[in-house]
């Protein structure tokens, strides 16, 4: 097995592009191990509706990156207290065999004192009944990755804040995340491993998996400049743009209403490819214009705060609704 060093890159879109590149290109004749740590980010499962999974106002306020990965499963929160491990290899029929891929990680944690860490259910690592690692798989053209997270010293309050879904009523065919009680692994390891940085803890796991005492003894494939160019091309095509991370969401319907002093406003949208394809506005407000004018201007608009705000601010909303601002209408959908 080879180790691939991501050169301490903390950009989630780059790291997931790197993992994808290693899956889609057979660079060596042996399995590959990849580790990465991401700055605060939410990683969405391939078949999920992004809007349904994230607390979008909070994500925007905190500058949290949202990236849709290639594998299925649920949404997870990453920060600098969490690291991901990826076992990449030819698909030899071991797809969905989470036990074989998580075994070396569990054994490493046992050696470091977390003796009750174990795989439970299909794909979660738990300790004392709490989840510290979620795992997923992705395969393409005879290659596969089995990847998971290790919550070492993540901010657990941020996990719940960032993944709190939008309050609007959403009907979607996307795969919904199942929330579990979570914990960090740091409290369970031996004293000598506490208070390490995430990078230091990651490197100790690396040595344990490879069964060596020094970093220079780890068998490694060194990425070339050409490799990195291809990684960034994948990032540009997929993980670094809105069309992939939001636009790839399954079709969904939005229904949200709010009682203003001037009357009730009820928005109903059908969204496909992240954009509104059908808009209906109901309510008991007294508008001077034909509300269908507003509905038509919303067709084709990205269903996100910035895009909706831009459109509504160019409409005389007082004329169509009453004493209200564009920010009020956007807020009823996204706040």
C-alpha atoms as a PDB file:
ATOM      1  CA  UNK A   1       0.000   0.000   0.000  1.00  0.00           C
ATOM      2  CA  UNK A   2       1.127   3.544  -0.809  1.00  0.00           C
ATOM      3  CA  UNK A   3       0.412   6.708   1.141  1.00  0.00           C
ATOM      4  CA  UNK A   4      -0.407   9.916  -0.746  1.00  0.00           C
ATOM      5  CA  UNK A   5       0.389  13.159   1.081  1.00  0.00           C
ATOM      6  CA  UNK A   6      -2.063  15.961   0.278  1.00  0.00           C
ATOM      7  CA  UNK A   7       0.580  18.508   1.334  1.00  0.00           C
ATOM      8  CA  UNK A   8      -1.553  19.813   4.185  1.00  0.00           C
ATOM      9  CA  UNK A   9      -4.215  21.224   1.891  1.00  0.00           C
ATOM     10  CA  UNK A  10      -7.294  22.169   3.951  1.00  0.00           C
ATOM     11  CA  UNK A  11      -9.668  23.094   1.115  1.00  0.00           C
ATOM     12  CA  UNK A  12     -12.489  20.529   1.056  1.00  0.00           C
ATOM     13  CA  UNK A  13     -13.157  20.987  -2.659  1.00  0.00           C
ATOM     14  CA  UNK A  14      -9.488  20.299  -3.464  1.00  0.00           C
ATOM     15  CA  UNK A  15      -9.219  17.319  -1.131  1.00  0.00           C
ATOM     16  CA  UNK A  16     -12.324  15.642  -2.516  1.00  0.00           C
ATOM     17  CA  UNK A  17     -11.098  16.356  -6.043  1.00  0.00           C
ATOM     18  CA  UNK A  18      -7.781  14.684  -5.115  1.00  0.00           C
ATOM     19  CA  UNK A  19      -9.561  11.628  -3.772  1.00  0.00           C
ATOM     20  CA  UNK A  20     -11.697  11.449  -6.912  1.00  0.00           C
ATOM     21  CA  UNK A  21      -8.607  11.733  -9.106  1.00  0.00           C
ATOM     22  CA  UNK A  22      -6.964   8.816  -7.283  1.00  0.00           C
ATOM     23  CA  UNK A  23     -10.086   6.706  -7.773  1.00  0.00           C
ATOM     24  CA  UNK A  24     -10.532   7.547 -11.434  1.00  0.00           C
ATOM     25  CA  UNK A  25      -6.836   7.089 -12.335  1.00  0.00           C
ATOM     26  CA  UNK A  26      -4.773   3.992 -11.503  1.00  0.00           C
ATOM     27  CA  UNK A  27      -1.418   5.564 -10.615  1.00  0.00           C
ATOM     28  CA  UNK A  28       0.116   2.571  -8.815  1.00  0.00           C
ATOM     29  CA  UNK A  29      -0.421  -1.184  -8.721  1.00  0.00           C
ATOM     30  CA  UNK A  30      -1.271  -1.268  -5.015  1.00  0.00           C
ATOM     31  CA  UNK A  31      -3.946   0.255  -2.774  1.00  0.00           C
ATOM     32  CA  UNK A  32      -3.557   3.890  -1.720  1.00  0.00           C
ATOM     33  CA  UNK A  33      -4.170   5.523   1.641  1.00  0.00           C
ATOM     34  CA  UNK A  34      -5.074   9.224   1.642  1.00  0.00           C
ATOM     35  CA  UNK A  35      -5.632  11.448   4.678  1.00  0.00           C
ATOM     36  CA  UNK A  36      -6.999  14.978   4.644  1.00  0.00           C
ATOM     37  CA  UNK A  37      -8.204  17.622   7.084  1.00  0.00           C
ATOM     38  CA  UNK A  38     -10.745  20.209   5.936  1.00  0.00           C
ATOM     39  CA  UNK A  39     -11.425  23.709   7.118  1.00  0.00           C
ATOM     40  CA  UNK A  40     -15.054  24.078   8.303  1.00  0.00           C
ATOM     41  CA  UNK A  41     -17.198  22.490   5.619  1.00  0.00           C
ATOM     42  CA  UNK A  42     -20.282  20.377   5.048  1.00  0.00           C
ATOM     43  CA  UNK A  43     -19.832  17.350   2.821  1.00  0.00           C
ATOM     44  CA  UNK A  44     -23.096  16.340   1.162  1.00  0.00           C
ATOM     45  CA  UNK A  45     -23.869  12.808  -0.025  1.00  0.00           C
ATOM     46  CA  UNK A  46     -24.155  12.280  -3.777  1.00  0.00           C
ATOM     47  CA  UNK A  47     -27.933  11.756  -3.715  1.00  0.00           C
ATOM     48  CA  UNK A  48     -28.902  14.422  -1.200  1.00  0.00           C
ATOM     49  CA  UNK A  49     -30.744  17.703  -1.522  1.00  0.00           C
ATOM     50  CA  UNK A  50     -28.233  20.281  -0.284  1.00  0.00           C
ATOM     51  CA  UNK A  51     -30.889  22.830   0.699  1.00  0.00           C
ATOM     52  CA  UNK A  52     -32.598  20.205   2.833  1.00  0.00           C
ATOM     53  CA  UNK A  53     -29.441  19.332   4.765  1.00  0.00           C
ATOM     54  CA  UNK A  54     -27.675  22.572   5.643  1.00  0.00           C
ATOM     55  CA  UNK A  55     -28.444  25.604   7.750  1.00  0.00           C
ATOM     56  CA  UNK A  56     -27.815  27.936   4.818  1.00  0.00           C
ATOM     57  CA  UNK A  57     -27.948  31.277   6.674  1.00  0.00           C
ATOM     58  CA  UNK A  58     -25.449  29.950   9.225  1.00  0.00           C
ATOM     59  CA  UNK A  59     -23.245  28.482   6.494  1.00  0.00           C
ATOM     60  CA  UNK A  60     -23.130  31.833   4.719  1.00  0.00           C
ATOM     61  CA  UNK A  61     -22.512  33.782   7.932  1.00  0.00           C
ATOM     62  CA  UNK A  62     -19.604  31.555   8.986  1.00  0.00           C
ATOM     63  CA  UNK A  63     -18.130  31.029   5.505  1.00  0.00           C
ATOM     64  CA  UNK A  64     -18.542  27.264   5.705  1.00  0.00           C
ATOM     65  CA  UNK A  65     -17.759  25.455   2.448  1.00  0.00           C
ATOM     66  CA  UNK A  66     -20.395  23.085   1.055  1.00  0.00           C
ATOM     67  CA  UNK A  67     -19.196  20.279  -1.226  1.00  0.00           C
ATOM     68  CA  UNK A  68     -21.112  17.377  -2.751  1.00  0.00           C
ATOM     69  CA  UNK A  69     -18.972  14.229  -2.748  1.00  0.00           C
ATOM     70  CA  UNK A  70     -19.136  11.305  -5.179  1.00  0.00           C
ATOM     71  CA  UNK A  71     -20.284   8.710  -2.636  1.00  0.00           C
ATOM     72  CA  UNK A  72     -23.753   8.233  -1.175  1.00  0.00           C
ATOM     73  CA  UNK A  73     -24.728   8.465   2.467  1.00  0.00           C
ATOM     74  CA  UNK A  74     -25.543  11.441   4.640  1.00  0.00           C
ATOM     75  CA  UNK A  75     -24.224  14.940   5.210  1.00  0.00           C
ATOM     76  CA  UNK A  76     -21.278  15.371   7.577  1.00  0.00           C
ATOM     77  CA  UNK A  77     -19.602  18.385   9.139  1.00  0.00           C
ATOM     78  CA  UNK A  78     -15.818  18.718   8.888  1.00  0.00           C
ATOM     79  CA  UNK A  79     -13.526  21.081  10.747  1.00  0.00           C
ATOM     80  CA  UNK A  80      -9.876  21.228  11.779  1.00  0.00           C
ATOM     81  CA  UNK A  81     -10.558  18.821  14.631  1.00  0.00           C
ATOM     82  CA  UNK A  82     -11.626  16.089  12.243  1.00  0.00           C
ATOM     83  CA  UNK A  83      -9.639  14.121   9.659  1.00  0.00           C
ATOM     84  CA  UNK A  84     -10.711  11.849   6.834  1.00  0.00           C
ATOM     85  CA  UNK A  85      -9.138   8.573   5.763  1.00  0.00           C
ATOM     86  CA  UNK A  86      -9.580   7.075   2.301  1.00  0.00           C
ATOM     87  CA  UNK A  87      -8.593   3.576   1.199  1.00  0.00           C
ATOM     88  CA  UNK A  88      -8.448   3.568  -2.602  1.00  0.00           C
ATOM     89  CA  UNK A  89      -7.993   0.413  -4.653  1.00  0.00           C
ATOM     90  CA  UNK A  90      -9.219  -1.723  -7.508  1.00  0.00           C
ATOM     91  CA  UNK A  91     -12.725  -3.010  -6.836  1.00  0.00           C
ATOM     92  CA  UNK A  92     -12.156  -6.681  -6.105  1.00  0.00           C
ATOM     93  CA  UNK A  93     -15.669  -7.365  -4.850  1.00  0.00           C
ATOM     94  CA  UNK A  94     -15.160  -5.747  -1.450  1.00  0.00           C
ATOM     95  CA  UNK A  95     -17.571  -2.898  -2.139  1.00  0.00           C
ATOM     96  CA  UNK A  96     -19.881  -2.470   0.897  1.00  0.00           C
ATOM     97  CA  UNK A  97     -17.476  -4.480   3.092  1.00  0.00           C
ATOM     98  CA  UNK A  98     -16.954  -1.696   5.600  1.00  0.00           C
ATOM     99  CA  UNK A  99     -15.490  -4.059   8.194  1.00  0.00           C
ATOM    100  CA  UNK A 100     -12.389  -4.842   6.132  1.00  0.00           C
ATOM    101  CA  UNK A 101     -11.617  -1.169   5.493  1.00  0.00           C
ATOM    102  CA  UNK A 102     -12.281   0.155   8.984  1.00  0.00           C
ATOM    103  CA  UNK A 103     -10.385  -2.694  10.705  1.00  0.00           C
ATOM    104  CA  UNK A 104      -6.903  -1.093  10.487  1.00  0.00           C
ATOM    105  CA  UNK A 105      -8.284   2.195  11.815  1.00  0.00           C
ATOM    106  CA  UNK A 106     -10.040   0.473  14.723  1.00  0.00           C
ATOM    107  CA  UNK A 107      -6.933  -1.551  15.549  1.00  0.00           C
ATOM    108  CA  UNK A 108      -4.846   1.642  15.592  1.00  0.00           C
ATOM    109  CA  UNK A 109      -7.291   3.312  17.957  1.00  0.00           C
ATOM    110  CA  UNK A 110      -7.266   0.269  20.230  1.00  0.00           C
ATOM    111  CA  UNK A 111      -3.469   0.509  20.505  1.00  0.00           C
ATOM    112  CA  UNK A 112      -3.865   4.146  21.485  1.00  0.00           C
ATOM    113  CA  UNK A 113      -6.239   3.316  24.323  1.00  0.00           C
ATOM    114  CA  UNK A 114      -9.689   3.603  22.737  1.00  0.00           C
ATOM    115  CA  UNK A 115     -10.299  -0.102  23.270  1.00  0.00           C
ATOM    116  CA  UNK A 116     -14.087   0.014  23.005  1.00  0.00           C
ATOM    117  CA  UNK A 117     -14.129   1.622  19.546  1.00  0.00           C
ATOM    118  CA  UNK A 118     -16.016  -0.641  17.155  1.00  0.00           C
ATOM    119  CA  UNK A 119     -17.949  -0.865  13.916  1.00  0.00           C
ATOM    120  CA  UNK A 120     -21.674  -0.969  14.566  1.00  0.00           C
ATOM    121  CA  UNK A 121     -24.448  -1.324  12.048  1.00  0.00           C
ATOM    122  CA  UNK A 122     -23.511  -0.955   8.422  1.00  0.00           C
ATOM    123  CA  UNK A 123     -20.948   1.833   8.355  1.00  0.00           C
ATOM    124  CA  UNK A 124     -20.507   3.738  11.633  1.00  0.00           C
ATOM    125  CA  UNK A 125     -17.691   3.608  14.191  1.00  0.00           C
ATOM    126  CA  UNK A 126     -18.958   4.073  17.740  1.00  0.00           C
ATOM    127  CA  UNK A 127     -17.540   4.273  21.232  1.00  0.00           C
ATOM    128  CA  UNK A 128     -19.764   4.032  24.315  1.00  0.00           C
ATOM    129  CA  UNK A 129     -22.773   4.161  22.012  1.00  0.00           C
ATOM    130  CA  UNK A 130     -21.744   7.429  20.363  1.00  0.00           C
ATOM    131  CA  UNK A 131     -20.640   7.899  16.786  1.00  0.00           C
ATOM    132  CA  UNK A 132     -17.184   9.325  16.081  1.00  0.00           C
ATOM    133  CA  UNK A 133     -16.822   8.139  12.491  1.00  0.00           C
ATOM    134  CA  UNK A 134     -19.165   7.811   9.524  1.00  0.00           C
ATOM    135  CA  UNK A 135     -18.099   5.848   6.442  1.00  0.00           C
ATOM    136  CA  UNK A 136     -19.151   5.657   2.801  1.00  0.00           C
ATOM    137  CA  UNK A 137     -17.980   4.125  -0.477  1.00  0.00           C
ATOM    138  CA  UNK A 138     -17.804   5.072  -4.132  1.00  0.00           C
ATOM    139  CA  UNK A 139     -16.833   2.971  -7.147  1.00  0.00           C
ATOM    140  CA  UNK A 140     -16.209   3.810 -10.796  1.00  0.00           C
ATOM    141  CA  UNK A 141     -14.728   1.882 -13.712  1.00  0.00           C
ATOM    142  CA  UNK A 142     -13.386  -0.930 -11.549  1.00  0.00           C
ATOM    143  CA  UNK A 143     -11.868   1.385  -8.917  1.00  0.00           C
ATOM    144  CA  UNK A 144     -13.256   2.298  -5.514  1.00  0.00           C
ATOM    145  CA  UNK A 145     -12.721   4.330  -2.365  1.00  0.00           C
ATOM    146  CA  UNK A 146     -13.831   3.500   1.152  1.00  0.00           C
ATOM    147  CA  UNK A 147     -13.634   6.676   3.165  1.00  0.00           C
ATOM    148  CA  UNK A 148     -14.534   7.812   6.632  1.00  0.00           C
ATOM    149  CA  UNK A 149     -14.009  10.486   9.229  1.00  0.00           C
ATOM    150  CA  UNK A 150     -12.364  10.519  12.643  1.00  0.00           C
ATOM    151  CA  UNK A 151     -13.746  13.158  14.985  1.00  0.00           C
ATOM    152  CA  UNK A 152     -10.737  13.824  17.192  1.00  0.00           C
ATOM    153  CA  UNK A 153     -11.484  17.246  18.639  1.00  0.00           C
ATOM    154  CA  UNK A 154     -14.275  18.663  16.503  1.00  0.00           C
ATOM    155  CA  UNK A 155     -16.512  21.472  17.725  1.00  0.00           C
ATOM    156  CA  UNK A 156     -19.617  19.415  18.454  1.00  0.00           C
ATOM    157  CA  UNK A 157     -21.830  22.477  18.833  1.00  0.00           C
ATOM    158  CA  UNK A 158     -20.927  23.569  15.311  1.00  0.00           C
ATOM    159  CA  UNK A 159     -21.974  20.148  14.016  1.00  0.00           C
ATOM    160  CA  UNK A 160     -25.539  20.705  15.199  1.00  0.00           C
ATOM    161  CA  UNK A 161     -25.671  24.357  14.140  1.00  0.00           C
ATOM    162  CA  UNK A 162     -24.341  23.843  10.620  1.00  0.00           C
ATOM    163  CA  UNK A 163     -26.447  20.791   9.831  1.00  0.00           C
ATOM    164  CA  UNK A 164     -29.742  22.169  11.092  1.00  0.00           C
ATOM    165  CA  UNK A 165     -31.933  22.052   7.966  1.00  0.00           C
ATOM    166  CA  UNK A 166     -33.902  24.899   6.438  1.00  0.00           C
ATOM    167  CA  UNK A 167     -37.158  25.638   8.246  1.00  0.00           C
ATOM    168  CA  UNK A 168     -39.176  25.812   5.012  1.00  0.00           C
ATOM    169  CA  UNK A 169     -41.382  22.864   4.228  1.00  0.00           C
ATOM    170  CA  UNK A 170     -39.396  20.835   1.697  1.00  0.00           C
ATOM    171  CA  UNK A 171     -40.631  17.777  -0.138  1.00  0.00           C
ATOM    172  CA  UNK A 172     -37.709  16.037  -1.779  1.00  0.00           C
ATOM    173  CA  UNK A 173     -36.718  12.635  -3.131  1.00  0.00           C
ATOM    174  CA  UNK A 174     -33.170  13.159  -1.892  1.00  0.00           C
ATOM    175  CA  UNK A 175     -31.645  10.816   0.683  1.00  0.00           C
ATOM    176  CA  UNK A 176     -32.073  12.350   4.135  1.00  0.00           C
ATOM    177  CA  UNK A 177     -29.360  12.205   6.785  1.00  0.00           C
ATOM    178  CA  UNK A 178     -30.002  10.263   9.978  1.00  0.00           C
ATOM    179  CA  UNK A 179     -28.601  12.136  12.962  1.00  0.00           C
ATOM    180  CA  UNK A 180     -26.812  10.165  15.672  1.00  0.00           C
ATOM    181  CA  UNK A 181     -25.334  11.108  19.011  1.00  0.00           C
ATOM    182  CA  UNK A 182     -21.750  12.029  18.261  1.00  0.00           C
ATOM    183  CA  UNK A 183     -18.537  12.330  20.239  1.00  0.00           C
ATOM    184  CA  UNK A 184     -14.855  13.004  19.790  1.00  0.00           C
ATOM    185  CA  UNK A 185     -12.370  10.174  20.193  1.00  0.00           C
ATOM    186  CA  UNK A 186      -9.841  12.308  22.096  1.00  0.00           C
ATOM    187  CA  UNK A 187     -11.341  11.689  25.579  1.00  0.00           C
ATOM    188  CA  UNK A 188     -10.988   7.927  25.106  1.00  0.00           C
ATOM    189  CA  UNK A 189      -7.341   7.612  24.069  1.00  0.00           C
ATOM    190  CA  UNK A 190      -4.418   7.218  26.491  1.00  0.00           C
ATOM    191  CA  UNK A 191      -3.118  10.321  28.227  1.00  0.00           C
ATOM    192  CA  UNK A 192      -0.039  10.568  26.019  1.00  0.00           C
ATOM    193  CA  UNK A 193      -2.272  11.042  22.952  1.00  0.00           C
ATOM    194  CA  UNK A 194      -4.508  13.741  24.433  1.00  0.00           C
ATOM    195  CA  UNK A 195      -3.920  17.398  23.637  1.00  0.00           C
ATOM    196  CA  UNK A 196      -2.205  16.563  20.350  1.00  0.00           C
ATOM    197  CA  UNK A 197      -3.047  18.565  17.259  1.00  0.00           C
ATOM    198  CA  UNK A 198      -5.261  16.837  14.719  1.00  0.00           C
ATOM    199  CA  UNK A 199      -2.233  16.620  12.408  1.00  0.00           C
ATOM    200  CA  UNK A 200      -0.115  14.939  15.099  1.00  0.00           C
ATOM    201  CA  UNK A 201      -2.834  12.435  15.897  1.00  0.00           C
ATOM    202  CA  UNK A 202      -3.364  11.739  12.184  1.00  0.00           C
ATOM    203  CA  UNK A 203       0.345  11.060  11.705  1.00  0.00           C
ATOM    204  CA  UNK A 204       0.375   8.582  14.599  1.00  0.00           C
ATOM    205  CA  UNK A 205      -2.525   6.709  13.019  1.00  0.00           C
ATOM    206  CA  UNK A 206      -0.544   6.676   9.769  1.00  0.00           C
ATOM    207  CA  UNK A 207       2.473   5.060  11.458  1.00  0.00           C
ATOM    208  CA  UNK A 208       0.244   2.487  13.157  1.00  0.00           C
ATOM    209  CA  UNK A 209      -1.462   1.500   9.900  1.00  0.00           C
ATOM    210  CA  UNK A 210       1.857   1.089   8.096  1.00  0.00           C
ATOM    211  CA  UNK A 211       3.509  -0.589  11.092  1.00  0.00           C
ATOM    212  CA  UNK A 212       6.542   1.717  11.113  1.00  0.00           C
ATOM    213  CA  UNK A 213       8.086   4.070  13.658  1.00  0.00           C
ATOM    214  CA  UNK A 214       9.199   6.927  11.421  1.00  0.00           C
ATOM    215  CA  UNK A 215       7.378   8.979   8.830  1.00  0.00           C
ATOM    216  CA  UNK A 216      10.147   8.485   6.251  1.00  0.00           C
ATOM    217  CA  UNK A 217       9.581   4.725   6.407  1.00  0.00           C
ATOM    218  CA  UNK A 218       6.021   5.061   5.092  1.00  0.00           C
ATOM    219  CA  UNK A 219       5.778   3.872   1.503  1.00  0.00           C
ATOM    220  CA  UNK A 220       4.642   6.883  -0.495  1.00  0.00           C
ATOM    221  CA  UNK A 221       3.539   7.931  -3.955  1.00  0.00           C
ATOM    222  CA  UNK A 222       4.569  11.542  -4.578  1.00  0.00           C
ATOM    223  CA  UNK A 223       2.077  13.568  -6.600  1.00  0.00           C
ATOM    224  CA  UNK A 224       3.582  15.252  -9.656  1.00  0.00           C
ATOM    225  CA  UNK A 225       2.819  18.718 -10.969  1.00  0.00           C
ATOM    226  CA  UNK A 226       0.791  17.069 -13.728  1.00  0.00           C
ATOM    227  CA  UNK A 227      -1.191  15.152 -11.098  1.00  0.00           C
ATOM    228  CA  UNK A 228      -2.047  18.381  -9.293  1.00  0.00           C
ATOM    229  CA  UNK A 229      -3.085  20.084 -12.517  1.00  0.00           C
ATOM    230  CA  UNK A 230      -5.568  17.277 -13.140  1.00  0.00           C
ATOM    231  CA  UNK A 231      -6.811  17.464  -9.557  1.00  0.00           C
ATOM    232  CA  UNK A 232      -7.551  21.169  -9.930  1.00  0.00           C
ATOM    233  CA  UNK A 233      -9.280  20.523 -13.250  1.00  0.00           C
ATOM    234  CA  UNK A 234     -11.633  18.088 -11.467  1.00  0.00           C
ATOM    235  CA  UNK A 235     -12.207  20.663  -8.738  1.00  0.00           C
ATOM    236  CA  UNK A 236     -13.103  23.297 -11.330  1.00  0.00           C
ATOM    237  CA  UNK A 237     -15.445  20.931 -13.146  1.00  0.00           C
ATOM    238  CA  UNK A 238     -17.243  19.600 -10.088  1.00  0.00           C
ATOM    239  CA  UNK A 239     -16.489  20.293  -6.459  1.00  0.00           C
ATOM    240  CA  UNK A 240     -15.646  23.976  -6.709  1.00  0.00           C
ATOM    241  CA  UNK A 241     -18.821  25.219  -8.357  1.00  0.00           C
ATOM    242  CA  UNK A 242     -22.446  25.841  -7.424  1.00  0.00           C
ATOM    243  CA  UNK A 243     -23.909  23.732 -10.231  1.00  0.00           C
ATOM    244  CA  UNK A 244     -22.363  20.584  -8.743  1.00  0.00           C
ATOM    245  CA  UNK A 245     -22.737  21.306  -5.043  1.00  0.00           C
ATOM    246  CA  UNK A 246     -26.284  22.722  -5.167  1.00  0.00           C
ATOM    247  CA  UNK A 247     -27.554  22.266  -8.716  1.00  0.00           C
ATOM    248  CA  UNK A 248     -27.099  18.485  -8.617  1.00  0.00           C
ATOM    249  CA  UNK A 249     -29.729  18.234  -5.878  1.00  0.00           C
ATOM    250  CA  UNK A 250     -32.738  16.050  -6.682  1.00  0.00           C
ATOM    251  CA  UNK A 251     -35.888  17.925  -7.668  1.00  0.00           C
ATOM    252  CA  UNK A 252     -37.841  19.227  -4.712  1.00  0.00           C
ATOM    253  CA  UNK A 253     -40.831  21.363  -3.775  1.00  0.00           C
ATOM    254  CA  UNK A 254     -40.739  24.314  -1.393  1.00  0.00           C
ATOM    255  CA  UNK A 255     -43.770  25.500   0.534  1.00  0.00           C
ATOM    256  CA  UNK A 256     -43.379  28.418   2.933  1.00  0.00           C
ATOM    257  CA  UNK A 257     -45.917  30.904   4.210  1.00  0.00           C
ATOM    258  CA  UNK A 258     -45.775  33.873   6.562  1.00  0.00           C
ATOM    259  CA  UNK A 259     -48.408  36.147   8.076  1.00  0.00           C
ATOM    260  CA  UNK A 260     -47.385  39.779   7.620  1.00  0.00           C
ATOM    261  CA  UNK A 261     -49.423  42.730   9.008  1.00  0.00           C
ATOM    262  CA  UNK A 262     -50.783  43.325   5.489  1.00  0.00           C
ATOM    263  CA  UNK A 263     -51.775  39.694   4.941  1.00  0.00           C
ATOM    264  CA  UNK A 264     -50.614  36.109   4.355  1.00  0.00           C
ATOM    265  CA  UNK A 265     -47.954  35.331   1.728  1.00  0.00           C
ATOM    266  CA  UNK A 266     -47.597  31.712   0.609  1.00  0.00           C
ATOM    267  CA  UNK A 267     -44.704  30.765  -1.727  1.00  0.00           C
ATOM    268  CA  UNK A 268     -44.705  27.403  -3.533  1.00  0.00           C
ATOM    269  CA  UNK A 269     -41.806  26.499  -5.796  1.00  0.00           C
ATOM    270  CA  UNK A 270     -40.760  23.463  -7.773  1.00  0.00           C
ATOM    271  CA  UNK A 271     -36.970  23.340  -7.998  1.00  0.00           C
ATOM    272  CA  UNK A 272     -34.931  21.265 -10.444  1.00  0.00           C
ATOM    273  CA  UNK A 273     -31.196  21.471 -10.968  1.00  0.00           C
ATOM    274  CA  UNK A 274     -31.122  23.970  -8.125  1.00  0.00           C
ATOM    275  CA  UNK A 275     -33.294  26.445 -10.065  1.00  0.00           C
ATOM    276  CA  UNK A 276     -36.961  27.361  -9.819  1.00  0.00           C
ATOM    277  CA  UNK A 277     -38.906  25.815 -12.698  1.00  0.00           C
ATOM    278  CA  UNK A 278     -42.388  26.546 -11.385  1.00  0.00           C
ATOM    279  CA  UNK A 279     -43.512  29.309  -9.023  1.00  0.00           C
ATOM    280  CA  UNK A 280     -46.917  29.954  -7.481  1.00  0.00           C
ATOM    281  CA  UNK A 281     -47.691  32.689  -4.960  1.00  0.00           C
ATOM    282  CA  UNK A 282     -50.870  32.616  -2.888  1.00  0.00           C
ATOM    283  CA  UNK A 283     -52.205  34.717  -0.019  1.00  0.00           C
ATOM    284  CA  UNK A 284     -54.826  37.158   1.178  1.00  0.00           C
ATOM    285  CA  UNK A 285     -52.790  40.310   0.583  1.00  0.00           C
ATOM    286  CA  UNK A 286     -54.147  43.165  -1.545  1.00  0.00           C
ATOM    287  CA  UNK A 287     -51.793  43.676  -4.472  1.00  0.00           C
ATOM    288  CA  UNK A 288     -52.208  46.196  -7.248  1.00  0.00           C
ATOM    289  CA  UNK A 289     -50.399  44.190  -9.915  1.00  0.00           C
ATOM    290  CA  UNK A 290     -50.891  40.719 -11.352  1.00  0.00           C
ATOM    291  CA  UNK A 291     -48.933  38.331  -9.092  1.00  0.00           C
ATOM    292  CA  UNK A 292     -48.192  36.194 -12.140  1.00  0.00           C
ATOM    293  CA  UNK A 293     -45.704  38.896 -13.146  1.00  0.00           C
ATOM    294  CA  UNK A 294     -43.682  38.063 -10.040  1.00  0.00           C
ATOM    295  CA  UNK A 295     -44.048  34.330 -10.568  1.00  0.00           C
ATOM    296  CA  UNK A 296     -42.682  34.604 -14.094  1.00  0.00           C
ATOM    297  CA  UNK A 297     -39.640  36.583 -12.985  1.00  0.00           C
ATOM    298  CA  UNK A 298     -38.753  33.842 -10.499  1.00  0.00           C
ATOM    299  CA  UNK A 299     -38.613  31.107 -13.155  1.00  0.00           C
ATOM    300  CA  UNK A 300     -35.035  30.043 -13.828  1.00  0.00           C
ATOM    301  CA  UNK A 301     -33.636  31.713 -10.707  1.00  0.00           C
ATOM    302  CA  UNK A 302     -31.207  29.774  -8.485  1.00  0.00           C
ATOM    303  CA  UNK A 303     -32.888  28.850  -5.240  1.00  0.00           C
ATOM    304  CA  UNK A 304     -30.433  30.562  -2.932  1.00  0.00           C
ATOM    305  CA  UNK A 305     -30.536  33.718  -0.857  1.00  0.00           C
ATOM    306  CA  UNK A 306     -28.338  35.877  -3.082  1.00  0.00           C
ATOM    307  CA  UNK A 307     -30.145  35.045  -6.326  1.00  0.00           C
ATOM    308  CA  UNK A 308     -33.633  35.401  -4.843  1.00  0.00           C
ATOM    309  CA  UNK A 309     -32.667  38.688  -3.216  1.00  0.00           C
ATOM    310  CA  UNK A 310     -31.303  40.086  -6.476  1.00  0.00           C
ATOM    311  CA  UNK A 311     -34.505  39.321  -8.357  1.00  0.00           C
ATOM    312  CA  UNK A 312     -36.943  40.522  -5.705  1.00  0.00           C
ATOM    313  CA  UNK A 313     -35.046  43.790  -5.189  1.00  0.00           C
ATOM    314  CA  UNK A 314     -35.665  44.577  -8.845  1.00  0.00           C
ATOM    315  CA  UNK A 315     -39.415  44.106  -8.375  1.00  0.00           C
ATOM    316  CA  UNK A 316     -41.759  46.689  -6.855  1.00  0.00           C
ATOM    317  CA  UNK A 317     -42.823  44.340  -4.061  1.00  0.00           C
ATOM    318  CA  UNK A 318     -44.962  47.022  -2.388  1.00  0.00           C
ATOM    319  CA  UNK A 319     -47.085  47.122  -5.530  1.00  0.00           C
ATOM    320  CA  UNK A 320     -47.649  43.383  -5.679  1.00  0.00           C
ATOM    321  CA  UNK A 321     -47.815  42.491  -1.975  1.00  0.00           C
ATOM    322  CA  UNK A 322     -48.185  45.503   0.324  1.00  0.00           C
ATOM    323  CA  UNK A 323     -45.933  47.092   2.942  1.00  0.00           C
ATOM    324  CA  UNK A 324     -43.004  44.681   2.686  1.00  0.00           C
ATOM    325  CA  UNK A 325     -39.382  44.683   1.521  1.00  0.00           C
ATOM    326  CA  UNK A 326     -37.505  42.220  -0.645  1.00  0.00           C
ATOM    327  CA  UNK A 327     -35.417  41.326   2.410  1.00  0.00           C
ATOM    328  CA  UNK A 328     -38.607  40.453   4.318  1.00  0.00           C
ATOM    329  CA  UNK A 329     -39.700  38.057   1.587  1.00  0.00           C
ATOM    330  CA  UNK A 330     -36.264  36.462   1.264  1.00  0.00           C
ATOM    331  CA  UNK A 331     -36.068  36.140   5.028  1.00  0.00           C
ATOM    332  CA  UNK A 332     -39.278  34.139   5.232  1.00  0.00           C
ATOM    333  CA  UNK A 333     -37.680  31.541   2.961  1.00  0.00           C
ATOM    334  CA  UNK A 334     -34.131  31.367   4.255  1.00  0.00           C
ATOM    335  CA  UNK A 335     -34.015  32.636   7.873  1.00  0.00           C
END
